[in-house]
Amino acid sequence: MVAFKDRLSQRAQDTSRPVLAHQCRGRELEPRETALAEALMEIYGTGTHDYDKVAAALAAKGIEAPRSGRTDWTAALLHEELAATNAQLDAAYKEHGYGA
């Protein structure tokens, strides 16, 4: 995850447009959103992509769901949390616009 972020930041600097590193965000990620994103990158990095297995790995890590605060992950909860977080980020982007 860190290497990916570093590469995005470097790429944004390469274009002399640092705001492009986060162009799709209308707000900064909340701590639980960041923790989930980092855990997902770690889990996906192991080759695990099945939602049931991803949910089990999140539960084993004790990751708190960004919206509900739950740690008893299921595939359905993972879907709900990702959809709700995406909707919030879309709304923030709509409100604050490009590069916020």
N, C-alpha and C. Protein backbone atom coordinates (compact mmCIF):
# COMPACT_ATOMS: atom_id res chain seq x y z
N MET A 1 0.83 -1.19 0.00
CA MET A 1 0.00 0.00 0.00
C MET A 1 0.87 1.25 0.00
N VAL A 2 1.90 1.25 0.84
CA VAL A 2 2.78 2.42 0.92
C VAL A 2 3.49 2.65 -0.40
N ALA A 3 3.99 1.59 -1.01
CA ALA A 3 4.67 1.73 -2.29
C ALA A 3 3.72 2.27 -3.35
N PHE A 4 2.48 1.81 -3.32
CA PHE A 4 1.47 2.28 -4.27
C PHE A 4 1.21 3.77 -4.06
N LYS A 5 1.02 4.19 -2.81
CA LYS A 5 0.80 5.60 -2.50
C LYS A 5 2.01 6.44 -2.91
N ASP A 6 3.20 5.92 -2.61
CA ASP A 6 4.42 6.64 -2.98
C ASP A 6 4.50 6.84 -4.49
N ARG A 7 4.13 5.81 -5.23
CA ARG A 7 4.18 5.91 -6.69
C ARG A 7 3.16 6.92 -7.21
N LEU A 8 1.97 6.92 -6.63
CA LEU A 8 0.96 7.92 -7.03
C LEU A 8 1.45 9.33 -6.74
N SER A 9 2.01 9.53 -5.57
CA SER A 9 2.52 10.85 -5.21
C SER A 9 3.65 11.27 -6.14
N GLN A 10 4.54 10.34 -6.44
CA GLN A 10 5.64 10.64 -7.36
C GLN A 10 5.11 11.00 -8.73
N ARG A 11 4.13 10.23 -9.20
CA ARG A 11 3.54 10.48 -10.52
C ARG A 11 2.88 11.85 -10.57
N ALA A 12 2.21 12.24 -9.49
CA ALA A 12 1.57 13.55 -9.45
C ALA A 12 2.63 14.65 -9.51
N GLN A 13 3.75 14.45 -8.83
CA GLN A 13 4.83 15.43 -8.86
C GLN A 13 5.46 15.49 -10.26
N ASP A 14 5.57 14.33 -10.90
CA ASP A 14 6.15 14.27 -12.23
C ASP A 14 5.37 15.14 -13.22
N THR A 15 4.08 15.27 -13.00
CA THR A 15 3.25 16.05 -13.92
C THR A 15 3.15 17.51 -13.49
N SER A 16 3.84 17.85 -12.41
CA SER A 16 3.78 19.21 -11.85
C SER A 16 2.38 19.58 -11.41
N ARG A 17 1.57 18.58 -11.10
CA ARG A 17 0.20 18.80 -10.65
C ARG A 17 -0.06 17.93 -9.42
N PRO A 18 0.49 18.32 -8.25
CA PRO A 18 0.37 17.48 -7.06
C PRO A 18 -1.06 17.19 -6.63
N VAL A 19 -2.01 18.02 -7.00
CA VAL A 19 -3.40 17.76 -6.61
C VAL A 19 -3.94 16.50 -7.27
N LEU A 20 -3.30 16.03 -8.33
CA LEU A 20 -3.78 14.84 -9.01
C LEU A 20 -3.63 13.58 -8.17
N ALA A 21 -2.79 13.61 -7.14
CA ALA A 21 -2.61 12.43 -6.30
C ALA A 21 -3.91 12.02 -5.62
N HIS A 22 -4.80 12.98 -5.38
CA HIS A 22 -6.06 12.69 -4.71
C HIS A 22 -7.22 13.35 -5.44
N GLN A 23 -7.16 13.36 -6.74
CA GLN A 23 -8.14 14.10 -7.52
C GLN A 23 -9.56 13.60 -7.38
N CYS A 24 -9.73 12.35 -6.99
CA CYS A 24 -11.09 11.80 -6.93
C CYS A 24 -11.69 11.93 -5.54
N ARG A 25 -11.01 12.55 -4.62
CA ARG A 25 -11.54 12.66 -3.26
C ARG A 25 -12.11 14.05 -3.02
N GLY A 26 -13.27 14.08 -2.40
CA GLY A 26 -13.85 15.34 -1.99
C GLY A 26 -13.55 15.63 -0.53
N ARG A 27 -12.91 14.67 0.13
CA ARG A 27 -12.50 14.83 1.53
C ARG A 27 -11.41 13.81 1.83
N GLU A 28 -10.72 14.02 2.91
CA GLU A 28 -9.71 13.05 3.34
C GLU A 28 -10.42 11.81 3.88
N LEU A 29 -9.73 10.68 3.82
CA LEU A 29 -10.29 9.46 4.39
C LEU A 29 -10.26 9.55 5.92
N GLU A 30 -11.28 8.97 6.52
CA GLU A 30 -11.35 8.88 7.98
C GLU A 30 -10.42 7.75 8.44
N PRO A 31 -10.00 7.76 9.70
CA PRO A 31 -9.07 6.72 10.18
C PRO A 31 -9.55 5.29 9.94
N ARG A 32 -10.84 5.01 10.18
CA ARG A 32 -11.33 3.64 9.95
C ARG A 32 -11.37 3.29 8.46
N GLU A 33 -11.60 4.29 7.61
CA GLU A 33 -11.55 4.05 6.17
C GLU A 33 -10.13 3.71 5.73
N THR A 34 -9.18 4.45 6.27
CA THR A 34 -7.78 4.20 5.96
C THR A 34 -7.35 2.82 6.44
N ALA A 35 -7.76 2.46 7.66
CA ALA A 35 -7.42 1.14 8.20
C ALA A 35 -8.01 0.03 7.33
N LEU A 36 -9.25 0.21 6.88
CA LEU A 36 -9.88 -0.79 6.02
C LEU A 36 -9.14 -0.87 4.69
N ALA A 37 -8.84 0.26 4.09
CA ALA A 37 -8.13 0.26 2.81
C ALA A 37 -6.78 -0.44 2.92
N GLU A 38 -6.05 -0.15 3.97
CA GLU A 38 -4.74 -0.78 4.16
C GLU A 38 -4.87 -2.29 4.38
N ALA A 39 -5.87 -2.68 5.17
CA ALA A 39 -6.10 -4.12 5.40
C ALA A 39 -6.50 -4.81 4.11
N LEU A 40 -7.36 -4.18 3.32
CA LEU A 40 -7.77 -4.78 2.05
C LEU A 40 -6.59 -4.94 1.11
N MET A 41 -5.71 -3.95 1.05
CA MET A 41 -4.54 -4.05 0.19
C MET A 41 -3.65 -5.21 0.64
N GLU A 42 -3.51 -5.36 1.94
CA GLU A 42 -2.70 -6.46 2.48
C GLU A 42 -3.34 -7.81 2.14
N ILE A 43 -4.64 -7.91 2.35
CA ILE A 43 -5.36 -9.17 2.09
C ILE A 43 -5.33 -9.49 0.60
N TYR A 44 -5.65 -8.51 -0.24
CA TYR A 44 -5.62 -8.74 -1.69
C TYR A 44 -4.21 -9.10 -2.15
N GLY A 45 -3.20 -8.55 -1.48
CA GLY A 45 -1.81 -8.84 -1.82
C GLY A 45 -1.43 -10.30 -1.61
N THR A 46 -2.18 -11.00 -0.77
CA THR A 46 -1.92 -12.43 -0.56
C THR A 46 -2.58 -13.29 -1.63
N GLY A 47 -3.34 -12.65 -2.51
CA GLY A 47 -4.05 -13.39 -3.56
C GLY A 47 -5.47 -13.74 -3.19
N THR A 48 -5.92 -13.29 -2.03
CA THR A 48 -7.29 -13.55 -1.58
C THR A 48 -8.21 -12.49 -2.18
N HIS A 49 -9.22 -12.93 -2.92
CA HIS A 49 -10.17 -11.98 -3.53
C HIS A 49 -11.62 -12.35 -3.28
N ASP A 50 -11.89 -13.57 -2.86
CA ASP A 50 -13.24 -14.01 -2.56
C ASP A 50 -13.77 -13.21 -1.37
N TYR A 51 -14.96 -12.61 -1.51
CA TYR A 51 -15.51 -11.75 -0.45
C TYR A 51 -15.65 -12.47 0.89
N ASP A 52 -16.05 -13.73 0.88
CA ASP A 52 -16.18 -14.47 2.14
C ASP A 52 -14.82 -14.59 2.83
N LYS A 53 -13.79 -14.90 2.05
CA LYS A 53 -12.45 -15.04 2.62
C LYS A 53 -11.87 -13.68 3.04
N VAL A 54 -12.14 -12.66 2.26
CA VAL A 54 -11.69 -11.31 2.62
C VAL A 54 -12.36 -10.89 3.92
N ALA A 55 -13.65 -11.13 4.03
CA ALA A 55 -14.39 -10.78 5.24
C ALA A 55 -13.83 -11.53 6.45
N ALA A 56 -13.53 -12.80 6.28
CA ALA A 56 -12.96 -13.59 7.38
C ALA A 56 -11.61 -13.03 7.80
N ALA A 57 -10.80 -12.60 6.84
CA ALA A 57 -9.50 -12.02 7.16
C ALA A 57 -9.65 -10.69 7.89
N LEU A 58 -10.62 -9.88 7.47
CA LEU A 58 -10.87 -8.61 8.16
C LEU A 58 -11.30 -8.86 9.61
N ALA A 59 -12.17 -9.85 9.80
CA ALA A 59 -12.62 -10.19 11.15
C ALA A 59 -11.45 -10.68 12.00
N ALA A 60 -10.60 -11.51 11.42
CA ALA A 60 -9.44 -12.03 12.15
C ALA A 60 -8.49 -10.91 12.57
N LYS A 61 -8.41 -9.86 11.75
CA LYS A 61 -7.54 -8.72 12.05
C LYS A 61 -8.21 -7.73 13.02
N GLY A 62 -9.51 -7.90 13.25
CA GLY A 62 -10.22 -6.99 14.14
C GLY A 62 -10.43 -5.61 13.55
N ILE A 63 -10.49 -5.52 12.24
CA ILE A 63 -10.69 -4.23 11.57
C ILE A 63 -12.11 -3.74 11.81
N GLU A 64 -12.25 -2.49 12.21
CA GLU A 64 -13.57 -1.90 12.44
C GLU A 64 -14.15 -1.39 11.13
N ALA A 65 -15.39 -1.72 10.87
CA ALA A 65 -16.08 -1.23 9.68
C ALA A 65 -16.25 0.29 9.80
N PRO A 66 -15.93 1.03 8.73
CA PRO A 66 -15.98 2.49 8.81
C PRO A 66 -17.35 3.06 9.17
N ARG A 67 -18.41 2.50 8.64
CA ARG A 67 -19.73 3.07 8.88
C ARG A 67 -20.37 2.52 10.15
N SER A 68 -20.35 1.22 10.34
CA SER A 68 -21.08 0.61 11.45
C SER A 68 -20.23 0.38 12.69
N GLY A 69 -18.91 0.35 12.52
CA GLY A 69 -18.02 0.08 13.64
C GLY A 69 -17.94 -1.40 14.01
N ARG A 70 -18.62 -2.24 13.24
CA ARG A 70 -18.64 -3.68 13.52
C ARG A 70 -17.30 -4.32 13.16
N THR A 71 -17.01 -5.44 13.81
CA THR A 71 -15.81 -6.21 13.49
C THR A 71 -16.15 -7.64 13.11
N ASP A 72 -17.45 -7.97 13.07
CA ASP A 72 -17.90 -9.31 12.70
C ASP A 72 -18.19 -9.36 11.19
N TRP A 73 -17.14 -9.22 10.42
CA TRP A 73 -17.26 -9.10 8.97
C TRP A 73 -17.89 -10.32 8.32
N THR A 74 -18.76 -10.05 7.35
CA THR A 74 -19.32 -11.04 6.45
C THR A 74 -19.20 -10.44 5.05
N ALA A 75 -19.42 -11.26 4.04
CA ALA A 75 -19.39 -10.75 2.67
C ALA A 75 -20.45 -9.65 2.50
N ALA A 76 -21.62 -9.84 3.09
CA ALA A 76 -22.69 -8.84 2.97
C ALA A 76 -22.28 -7.53 3.64
N LEU A 77 -21.67 -7.62 4.84
CA LEU A 77 -21.24 -6.40 5.52
C LEU A 77 -20.15 -5.70 4.72
N LEU A 78 -19.23 -6.45 4.15
CA LEU A 78 -18.18 -5.85 3.33
C LEU A 78 -18.79 -5.09 2.17
N HIS A 79 -19.74 -5.70 1.50
CA HIS A 79 -20.42 -5.02 0.39
C HIS A 79 -21.12 -3.75 0.87
N GLU A 80 -21.86 -3.84 1.96
CA GLU A 80 -22.59 -2.69 2.50
C GLU A 80 -21.64 -1.55 2.88
N GLU A 81 -20.56 -1.89 3.55
CA GLU A 81 -19.61 -0.87 4.01
C GLU A 81 -18.91 -0.19 2.83
N LEU A 82 -18.51 -0.99 1.85
CA LEU A 82 -17.85 -0.39 0.68
C LEU A 82 -18.81 0.50 -0.10
N ALA A 83 -20.05 0.05 -0.26
CA ALA A 83 -21.04 0.85 -0.98
C ALA A 83 -21.36 2.14 -0.24
N ALA A 84 -21.51 2.07 1.08
CA ALA A 84 -21.84 3.26 1.86
C ALA A 84 -20.66 4.25 1.87
N THR A 85 -19.46 3.73 2.01
CA THR A 85 -18.29 4.60 2.01
C THR A 85 -18.12 5.25 0.64
N ASN A 86 -18.31 4.48 -0.41
CA ASN A 86 -18.22 5.03 -1.76
C ASN A 86 -19.26 6.12 -1.97
N ALA A 87 -20.47 5.91 -1.49
CA ALA A 87 -21.53 6.92 -1.63
C ALA A 87 -21.15 8.20 -0.90
N GLN A 88 -20.57 8.06 0.30
CA GLN A 88 -20.14 9.25 1.04
C GLN A 88 -19.03 9.99 0.31
N LEU A 89 -18.08 9.24 -0.23
CA LEU A 89 -16.98 9.88 -0.97
C LEU A 89 -17.49 10.54 -2.23
N ASP A 90 -18.45 9.91 -2.92
CA ASP A 90 -19.05 10.53 -4.10
C ASP A 90 -19.77 11.82 -3.74
N ALA A 91 -20.49 11.82 -2.63
CA ALA A 91 -21.21 13.02 -2.20
C ALA A 91 -20.23 14.13 -1.84
N ALA A 92 -19.14 13.78 -1.18
CA ALA A 92 -18.13 14.79 -0.83
C ALA A 92 -17.49 15.36 -2.09
N TYR A 93 -17.22 14.51 -3.06
CA TYR A 93 -16.64 14.98 -4.31
C TYR A 93 -17.61 15.92 -5.03
N LYS A 94 -18.89 15.53 -5.03
CA LYS A 94 -19.90 16.37 -5.67
C LYS A 94 -19.97 17.74 -5.00
N GLU A 95 -19.85 17.75 -3.68
CA GLU A 95 -19.93 19.00 -2.93
C GLU A 95 -18.66 19.84 -3.05
N HIS A 96 -17.50 19.19 -2.99
CA HIS A 96 -16.24 19.93 -2.92
C HIS A 96 -15.45 19.95 -4.21
N GLY A 97 -15.75 19.03 -5.11
CA GLY A 97 -15.15 19.05 -6.43
C GLY A 97 -13.73 18.52 -6.54
N TYR A 98 -13.16 18.80 -7.67
CA TYR A 98 -11.87 18.31 -8.11
C TYR A 98 -10.76 18.64 -7.13
N GLY A 99 -9.99 17.61 -6.76
CA GLY A 99 -8.78 17.80 -5.99
C GLY A 99 -8.97 18.28 -4.57
N ALA A 100 -10.18 18.15 -4.03
CA ALA A 100 -10.43 18.64 -2.68
C ALA A 100 -9.69 17.82 -1.66
